[in-house]
């Protein structure tokens, strides 16, 4: 899978953009505030129909316009498709996949699978369980066609149960306990299978970045491992009624990450944490490719931050092995270009929202181009 053409109109501070990206590396460089991250945000919106920076659509639309629009042509295994998205300040929303109106963002996500790596990715280590659970569910979503409707049913059952808990109404509690338990059991099976494979691949990947660290990952289903969820809900019902929400359930699933017996957040430096996150993200892509017989797409914001030169090189080399399409932002373009083949990268200069494709010689005016 690779994006063959991108069109961006009236998105944030960006001037109109139409480019044909490289099938491997695409580097956007420029000063802080030039608009580099906004390009990645637009690509993410094409896949997920939401921003990774804000929930307020008004902030995404160019200040003197009423609507933004995004379009991409995507090549997939000798076939092609397209995704088009538009949003208006008056609330209108349109999504088309392969020229047909789509009613769910999942249709676009299936056609344009994206792994995002930005500063918020540190939440995988230092944040609550949601970020880690989302990472798991991204993989399961792309492995099992029935995951999303199953997850939606579990969310609906959980919502109904929590409403009853808040209202101190026990008349239908057993009914929703049963429904939630059934859906959660299937979700948990999918998650466990994915995590087993994830840990196996991750163990190899992390050795390239942190070879001297002993890393242990344990999966927590969201309820005690010696109980079924139904039994756990029954045991905790009095506490849940007092609190007004469900203590146990698939919404509490998590990964517990320990380094040399200590919580990862407490035992790793910022740079080492980024190496750990790199390994998580690379593992996601490897598993996606293994199950879907094609690569996903990577968005990497500010790639040089917190990575030393050695691990920076390792990340680029690992991405190159995946034969995946990558969109990278950096204020130091030479740090990316020097580790890539001249034939496998396009570079774009970003100045005040205007994007311009640049020749590689513009980054090396007095020296030979890198050939590694």
Protein backbone atom coordinates (compact mmCIF):
# COMPACT_ATOMS: atom_id res chain seq x y z
CA UNK A 1 0.00 0.00 0.00
CA UNK A 2 1.29 3.46 -0.85
CA UNK A 3 -0.19 6.90 -1.37
CA UNK A 4 0.37 7.95 -4.97
CA UNK A 5 -1.13 11.44 -4.88
CA UNK A 6 -2.20 13.84 -2.12
CA UNK A 7 -4.31 16.98 -2.42
CA UNK A 8 -4.83 19.30 0.55
CA UNK A 9 -7.08 22.36 0.44
CA UNK A 10 -7.73 24.95 3.17
CA UNK A 11 -6.26 22.83 5.95
CA UNK A 12 -4.83 24.89 8.83
CA UNK A 13 -2.15 27.33 7.64
CA UNK A 14 -1.20 25.24 4.61
CA UNK A 15 -1.24 26.72 1.14
CA UNK A 16 -2.96 24.39 -1.38
CA UNK A 17 -0.86 21.25 -1.77
CA UNK A 18 -0.77 18.61 -4.49
CA UNK A 19 2.13 16.19 -4.50
CA UNK A 20 3.07 12.74 -5.70
CA UNK A 21 4.99 11.29 -2.77
CA UNK A 22 7.75 8.71 -2.96
CA UNK A 23 6.70 5.14 -2.28
CA UNK A 24 9.33 4.91 0.47
CA UNK A 25 10.59 8.01 2.32
CA UNK A 26 9.13 11.50 2.22
CA UNK A 27 10.84 14.16 4.31
CA UNK A 28 9.24 17.49 5.20
CA UNK A 29 11.70 19.95 6.68
CA UNK A 30 11.53 23.54 7.84
CA UNK A 31 11.53 25.74 10.89
CA UNK A 32 9.19 25.27 13.84
CA UNK A 33 5.69 26.47 13.00
CA UNK A 34 6.19 26.18 9.24
CA UNK A 35 3.39 23.62 8.87
CA UNK A 36 5.25 20.29 8.71
CA UNK A 37 3.11 18.59 11.35
CA UNK A 38 -0.05 19.87 9.64
CA UNK A 39 0.79 17.77 6.58
CA UNK A 40 1.00 14.65 8.75
CA UNK A 41 -2.23 15.69 10.47
CA UNK A 42 -3.99 15.90 7.10
CA UNK A 43 -2.80 12.40 6.16
CA UNK A 44 -3.95 11.08 9.52
CA UNK A 45 -7.35 12.70 8.99
CA UNK A 46 -7.69 10.91 5.65
CA UNK A 47 -7.31 7.58 7.44
CA UNK A 48 -9.14 8.22 10.72
CA UNK A 49 -11.53 11.12 9.99
CA UNK A 50 -10.12 12.91 13.03
CA UNK A 51 -7.11 14.93 14.06
CA UNK A 52 -4.40 13.82 16.47
CA UNK A 53 -4.08 17.43 17.69
CA UNK A 54 -7.59 18.68 18.39
CA UNK A 55 -11.26 17.69 18.48
CA UNK A 56 -12.38 21.11 17.27
CA UNK A 57 -12.89 21.15 13.51
CA UNK A 58 -12.91 24.96 13.43
CA UNK A 59 -9.23 24.94 14.40
CA UNK A 60 -8.34 22.75 11.43
CA UNK A 61 -10.08 24.78 8.74
CA UNK A 62 -8.08 27.71 7.36
CA UNK A 63 -9.19 30.81 9.27
CA UNK A 64 -10.71 32.64 6.27
CA UNK A 65 -12.38 29.56 4.72
CA UNK A 66 -15.50 27.56 5.59
CA UNK A 67 -14.44 24.06 4.46
CA UNK A 68 -11.30 21.98 4.11
CA UNK A 69 -10.92 19.06 1.72
CA UNK A 70 -8.41 16.22 1.45
CA UNK A 71 -7.94 13.66 -1.29
CA UNK A 72 -5.58 10.76 -1.86
CA UNK A 73 -5.03 8.13 -4.51
CA UNK A 74 -3.77 4.87 -3.06
CA UNK A 75 -2.10 1.95 -4.79
CA UNK A 76 -2.75 -1.48 -3.33
CA UNK A 77 -1.36 -4.70 -4.79
CA UNK A 78 -1.67 -3.64 -8.43
CA UNK A 79 -5.03 -2.01 -7.73
CA UNK A 80 -5.85 1.57 -6.87
CA UNK A 81 -8.48 3.30 -4.79
CA UNK A 82 -9.11 6.76 -3.39
CA UNK A 83 -10.19 8.52 -0.22
CA UNK A 84 -11.76 11.97 -0.08
CA UNK A 85 -12.67 13.88 3.06
CA UNK A 86 -14.23 17.30 3.63
CA UNK A 87 -15.40 19.10 6.76
CA UNK A 88 -17.22 22.42 7.13
CA UNK A 89 -17.61 24.89 9.95
CA UNK A 90 -21.38 24.39 9.75
CA UNK A 91 -20.95 20.71 10.71
CA UNK A 92 -21.18 19.10 7.26
CA UNK A 93 -18.96 16.05 6.89
CA UNK A 94 -18.30 14.00 3.78
CA UNK A 95 -16.25 10.85 3.32
CA UNK A 96 -15.82 8.96 0.06
CA UNK A 97 -13.88 5.74 -0.40
CA UNK A 98 -13.29 4.51 -3.96
CA UNK A 99 -15.68 7.20 -5.17
CA UNK A 100 -18.56 5.94 -3.05
CA UNK A 101 -20.01 7.65 0.02
CA UNK A 102 -18.81 5.97 3.21
CA UNK A 103 -20.67 6.13 6.51
CA UNK A 104 -17.91 4.96 8.81
CA UNK A 105 -14.31 6.10 9.21
CA UNK A 106 -13.33 2.43 9.46
CA UNK A 107 -13.79 2.14 5.68
CA UNK A 108 -10.99 4.65 5.14
CA UNK A 109 -8.83 3.17 7.91
CA UNK A 110 -8.92 -0.21 6.18
CA UNK A 111 -7.75 1.31 2.89
CA UNK A 112 -5.12 3.57 4.48
CA UNK A 113 -3.66 1.91 7.60
CA UNK A 114 -1.48 4.42 9.41
CA UNK A 115 0.93 4.11 12.32
CA UNK A 116 1.53 7.49 13.96
CA UNK A 117 4.68 8.32 15.91
CA UNK A 118 4.72 11.75 17.58
CA UNK A 119 5.32 13.31 20.99
CA UNK A 120 2.01 11.91 22.28
CA UNK A 121 3.41 8.43 21.64
CA UNK A 122 5.27 8.78 24.94
CA UNK A 123 1.87 8.11 26.55
CA UNK A 124 2.51 4.47 25.68
CA UNK A 125 4.97 4.52 28.57
CA UNK A 126 4.05 7.40 30.85
CA UNK A 127 0.30 7.71 30.24
CA UNK A 128 -2.72 5.73 31.35
CA UNK A 129 -3.90 2.45 29.85
CA UNK A 130 -5.85 4.02 26.96
CA UNK A 131 -2.81 4.59 24.72
CA UNK A 132 -1.54 1.03 25.17
CA UNK A 133 -5.02 -0.43 24.70
CA UNK A 134 -5.46 1.63 21.52
CA UNK A 135 -2.18 0.21 20.19
CA UNK A 136 -3.43 -3.33 20.80
CA UNK A 137 -6.82 -2.67 19.26
CA UNK A 138 -5.30 -1.07 16.14
CA UNK A 139 -3.61 -4.38 15.42
CA UNK A 140 -6.67 -6.49 16.23
CA UNK A 141 -8.86 -4.24 14.07
CA UNK A 142 -6.64 -4.89 11.06
CA UNK A 143 -6.47 -8.64 11.79
CA UNK A 144 -10.14 -9.45 12.40
CA UNK A 145 -13.02 -8.11 10.32
CA UNK A 146 -15.53 -8.65 13.12
CA UNK A 147 -13.48 -6.85 15.79
CA UNK A 148 -15.05 -3.41 15.31
CA UNK A 149 -18.72 -4.46 15.57
CA UNK A 150 -17.80 -6.64 18.54
CA UNK A 151 -15.99 -3.75 20.22
CA UNK A 152 -18.96 -1.45 19.54
CA UNK A 153 -21.36 -3.92 21.15
CA UNK A 154 -19.12 -4.18 24.20
CA UNK A 155 -19.01 -0.37 24.45
CA UNK A 156 -22.79 -0.19 24.23
CA UNK A 157 -23.22 -2.81 26.96
CA UNK A 158 -20.70 -1.00 29.17
CA UNK A 159 -22.49 2.30 28.65
CA UNK A 160 -25.85 0.82 29.63
CA UNK A 161 -24.30 -0.83 32.68
CA UNK A 162 -22.72 2.43 33.82
CA UNK A 163 -26.01 4.29 33.42
CA UNK A 164 -27.67 1.75 35.71
CA UNK A 165 -24.84 2.07 38.22
CA UNK A 166 -25.11 5.85 38.31
CA UNK A 167 -28.87 5.63 38.81
CA UNK A 168 -28.44 2.90 41.47
CA UNK A 169 -30.81 0.74 39.42
CA UNK A 170 -30.18 -2.99 39.81
CA UNK A 171 -33.24 -4.27 37.94
CA UNK A 172 -31.39 -4.95 34.65
CA UNK A 173 -27.85 -5.15 35.94
CA UNK A 174 -27.57 -8.93 35.52
CA UNK A 175 -28.76 -8.65 31.91
CA UNK A 176 -26.05 -6.15 30.98
CA UNK A 177 -23.44 -8.03 33.03
CA UNK A 178 -24.14 -11.07 30.88
CA UNK A 179 -23.99 -9.13 27.59
CA UNK A 180 -20.80 -7.31 28.51
CA UNK A 181 -19.15 -10.55 29.62
CA UNK A 182 -19.99 -12.35 26.38
CA UNK A 183 -18.63 -9.59 24.15
CA UNK A 184 -15.59 -9.05 26.37
CA UNK A 185 -14.71 -12.75 26.25
CA UNK A 186 -14.45 -12.65 22.44
CA UNK A 187 -12.53 -9.36 22.49
CA UNK A 188 -10.14 -10.75 25.05
CA UNK A 189 -9.41 -13.82 22.94
CA UNK A 190 -8.50 -11.62 19.98
CA UNK A 191 -6.34 -9.35 22.14
CA UNK A 192 -4.49 -12.26 23.76
CA UNK A 193 -3.70 -13.83 20.38
CA UNK A 194 -2.41 -10.51 19.06
CA UNK A 195 -0.31 -9.78 22.13
CA UNK A 196 1.35 -13.21 22.01
CA UNK A 197 2.47 -12.53 18.46
CA UNK A 198 3.32 -8.92 19.30
CA UNK A 199 5.67 -9.90 22.13
CA UNK A 200 7.39 -12.49 19.95
CA UNK A 201 8.19 -9.95 17.22
CA UNK A 202 8.90 -7.13 19.66
CA UNK A 203 11.54 -9.20 21.43
CA UNK A 204 13.61 -9.26 18.23
CA UNK A 205 13.04 -5.62 17.32
CA UNK A 206 13.94 -4.18 20.73
CA UNK A 207 17.32 -5.92 20.67
CA UNK A 208 18.42 -3.49 17.96
CA UNK A 209 17.68 -0.50 20.19
CA UNK A 210 18.13 -1.62 23.81
CA UNK A 211 20.15 -4.87 23.67
CA UNK A 212 21.26 -4.76 27.30
CA UNK A 213 17.82 -4.26 28.82
CA UNK A 214 15.63 -7.09 30.08
CA UNK A 215 12.11 -6.11 29.07
CA UNK A 216 8.99 -7.91 30.24
CA UNK A 217 5.51 -7.21 28.87
CA UNK A 218 2.42 -8.64 30.56
CA UNK A 219 -1.15 -8.35 29.33
CA UNK A 220 -3.94 -7.46 31.74
CA UNK A 221 -7.41 -8.28 30.42
CA UNK A 222 -9.24 -5.74 32.58
CA UNK A 223 -10.34 -8.15 35.32
CA UNK A 224 -8.61 -10.65 37.66
CA UNK A 225 -7.00 -13.46 35.72
CA UNK A 226 -8.36 -16.11 38.09
CA UNK A 227 -11.96 -15.06 37.38
CA UNK A 228 -14.31 -14.71 34.46
CA UNK A 229 -15.52 -11.18 33.85
CA UNK A 230 -19.05 -12.21 34.82
CA UNK A 231 -17.80 -13.42 38.21
CA UNK A 232 -15.68 -10.29 38.67
CA UNK A 233 -18.65 -8.01 37.89
CA UNK A 234 -20.78 -9.87 40.40
CA UNK A 235 -18.10 -9.63 43.09
CA UNK A 236 -17.58 -5.92 42.49
CA UNK A 237 -21.24 -4.96 42.05
CA UNK A 238 -21.55 -3.27 45.45
CA UNK A 239 -18.40 -1.22 44.87
CA UNK A 240 -19.51 -0.36 41.34
CA UNK A 241 -22.89 0.84 42.58
CA UNK A 242 -21.19 3.04 45.15
CA UNK A 243 -18.74 4.46 42.60
CA UNK A 244 -21.22 4.75 39.73
CA UNK A 245 -19.02 3.06 37.12
CA UNK A 246 -17.59 -0.36 36.20
CA UNK A 247 -14.28 -1.27 37.81
CA UNK A 248 -13.73 -4.28 35.56
CA UNK A 249 -14.19 -4.86 31.87
CA UNK A 250 -12.48 -4.74 28.45
CA UNK A 251 -12.16 -0.96 28.83
CA UNK A 252 -9.53 -1.61 31.52
CA UNK A 253 -7.27 -3.82 29.39
CA UNK A 254 -3.61 -2.83 29.55
CA UNK A 255 0.00 -3.78 28.93
CA UNK A 256 2.32 -3.78 31.94
CA UNK A 257 5.88 -2.92 30.85
CA UNK A 258 8.85 -3.55 33.11
CA UNK A 259 12.55 -2.97 32.44
CA UNK A 260 14.94 -4.99 34.58
CA UNK A 261 12.09 -5.45 37.05
CA UNK A 262 11.22 -1.74 37.24
CA UNK A 263 8.38 0.23 35.60
CA UNK A 264 9.57 1.47 32.18
CA UNK A 265 8.78 5.10 32.95
CA UNK A 266 11.00 5.03 36.05
CA UNK A 267 13.94 3.11 34.63
CA UNK A 268 14.51 4.59 31.16
CA UNK A 269 15.84 7.95 30.02
CA UNK A 270 13.80 10.00 27.56
CA UNK A 271 15.95 8.77 24.69
CA UNK A 272 15.62 5.15 25.81
CA UNK A 273 11.87 5.59 26.08
CA UNK A 274 11.79 6.75 22.47
CA UNK A 275 13.77 3.65 21.47
CA UNK A 276 11.15 1.53 23.23
CA UNK A 277 8.37 3.37 21.40
CA UNK A 278 10.20 2.92 18.08
CA UNK A 279 10.17 -0.81 18.74
CA UNK A 280 6.44 -0.79 19.52
CA UNK A 281 5.65 1.07 16.31
CA UNK A 282 7.89 -1.10 14.15
CA UNK A 283 6.30 -4.22 15.64
CA UNK A 284 2.84 -2.92 14.71
CA UNK A 285 3.95 -2.52 11.10
CA UNK A 286 5.63 -5.92 10.93
CA UNK A 287 2.51 -7.68 12.23
CA UNK A 288 0.23 -5.71 9.92
CA UNK A 289 2.35 -6.70 6.94
CA UNK A 290 2.49 -10.33 8.07
CA UNK A 291 -1.30 -10.61 8.24
CA UNK A 292 -2.30 -8.39 5.32
CA UNK A 293 0.50 -9.16 2.86
CA UNK A 294 1.26 -5.47 2.32
CA UNK A 295 2.84 -2.67 4.36
CA UNK A 296 1.06 0.07 6.26
CA UNK A 297 2.01 3.76 6.21
CA UNK A 298 4.09 5.57 8.87
CA UNK A 299 3.77 9.18 10.00
CA UNK A 300 6.77 10.24 12.11
CA UNK A 301 6.79 13.74 13.55
CA UNK A 302 10.08 15.33 14.62
CA UNK A 303 12.09 12.17 14.08
CA UNK A 304 15.36 13.58 15.41
CA UNK A 305 14.08 14.59 18.85
CA UNK A 306 15.56 12.51 21.72
CA UNK A 307 17.27 10.01 19.40
CA UNK A 308 21.05 9.85 19.22
CA UNK A 309 22.71 9.33 15.87
CA UNK A 310 23.15 5.58 16.38
CA UNK A 311 19.46 4.89 17.09
CA UNK A 312 18.34 7.39 14.48
CA UNK A 313 20.18 5.31 11.90
CA UNK A 314 18.67 2.08 13.25
CA UNK A 315 15.13 3.45 12.98
CA UNK A 316 15.62 4.51 9.34
CA UNK A 317 17.18 1.15 8.50
CA UNK A 318 14.35 -0.80 10.15
CA UNK A 319 11.75 1.22 8.25
CA UNK A 320 13.64 0.61 5.03
CA UNK A 321 13.54 -3.15 5.68
CA UNK A 322 9.76 -2.98 5.99
CA UNK A 323 9.54 -1.54 2.46
CA UNK A 324 6.84 0.77 3.77
CA UNK A 325 5.88 4.34 2.89
CA UNK A 326 7.06 6.86 5.46
CA UNK A 327 6.29 10.56 5.95
CA UNK A 328 8.80 12.22 8.25
CA UNK A 329 9.17 15.75 9.59
CA UNK A 330 12.44 17.20 10.82
CA UNK A 331 14.19 20.51 11.35
CA UNK A 332 17.46 18.71 10.53
CA UNK A 333 16.89 17.08 7.11
CA UNK A 334 20.47 15.85 6.73
CA UNK A 335 19.93 13.54 9.71
CA UNK A 336 17.37 11.61 7.65
CA UNK A 337 18.83 11.89 4.17
CA UNK A 338 22.28 10.63 5.16
CA UNK A 339 20.83 7.24 6.10
CA UNK A 340 18.66 6.69 3.02
CA UNK A 341 19.35 5.74 -0.55
CA UNK A 342 19.21 8.77 -2.85
CA UNK A 343 16.73 6.88 -5.02
CA UNK A 344 14.33 6.10 -2.15
CA UNK A 345 13.49 9.56 -0.80
CA UNK A 346 11.82 12.81 -1.77
CA UNK A 347 12.41 15.96 0.24
CA UNK A 348 10.02 18.86 0.62
CA UNK A 349 10.81 22.25 2.06
CA UNK A 350 8.09 23.86 4.16
CA UNK A 351 8.12 27.65 4.56
CA UNK A 352 5.14 29.48 6.10
CA UNK A 353 2.69 26.78 5.01
CA UNK A 354 4.01 26.49 1.45
CA UNK A 355 5.43 23.12 0.38
CA UNK A 356 8.10 22.85 -2.31
CA UNK A 357 9.78 19.68 -3.55
CA UNK A 358 13.54 20.12 -3.41
CA UNK A 359 16.42 18.33 -5.11
CA UNK A 360 18.65 16.37 -2.77
CA UNK A 361 21.59 18.49 -3.93
CA UNK A 362 20.01 21.43 -2.11
CA UNK A 363 20.87 19.70 1.19
CA UNK A 364 24.43 18.84 0.12
CA UNK A 365 25.61 21.79 -1.95
CA UNK A 366 29.32 21.10 -1.49
CA UNK A 367 29.51 17.36 -0.90
CA UNK A 368 28.51 14.19 -2.68
CA UNK A 369 25.08 12.71 -2.07
CA UNK A 370 24.91 9.84 0.43
CA UNK A 371 24.87 6.41 -1.20
CA UNK A 372 24.43 4.13 1.86
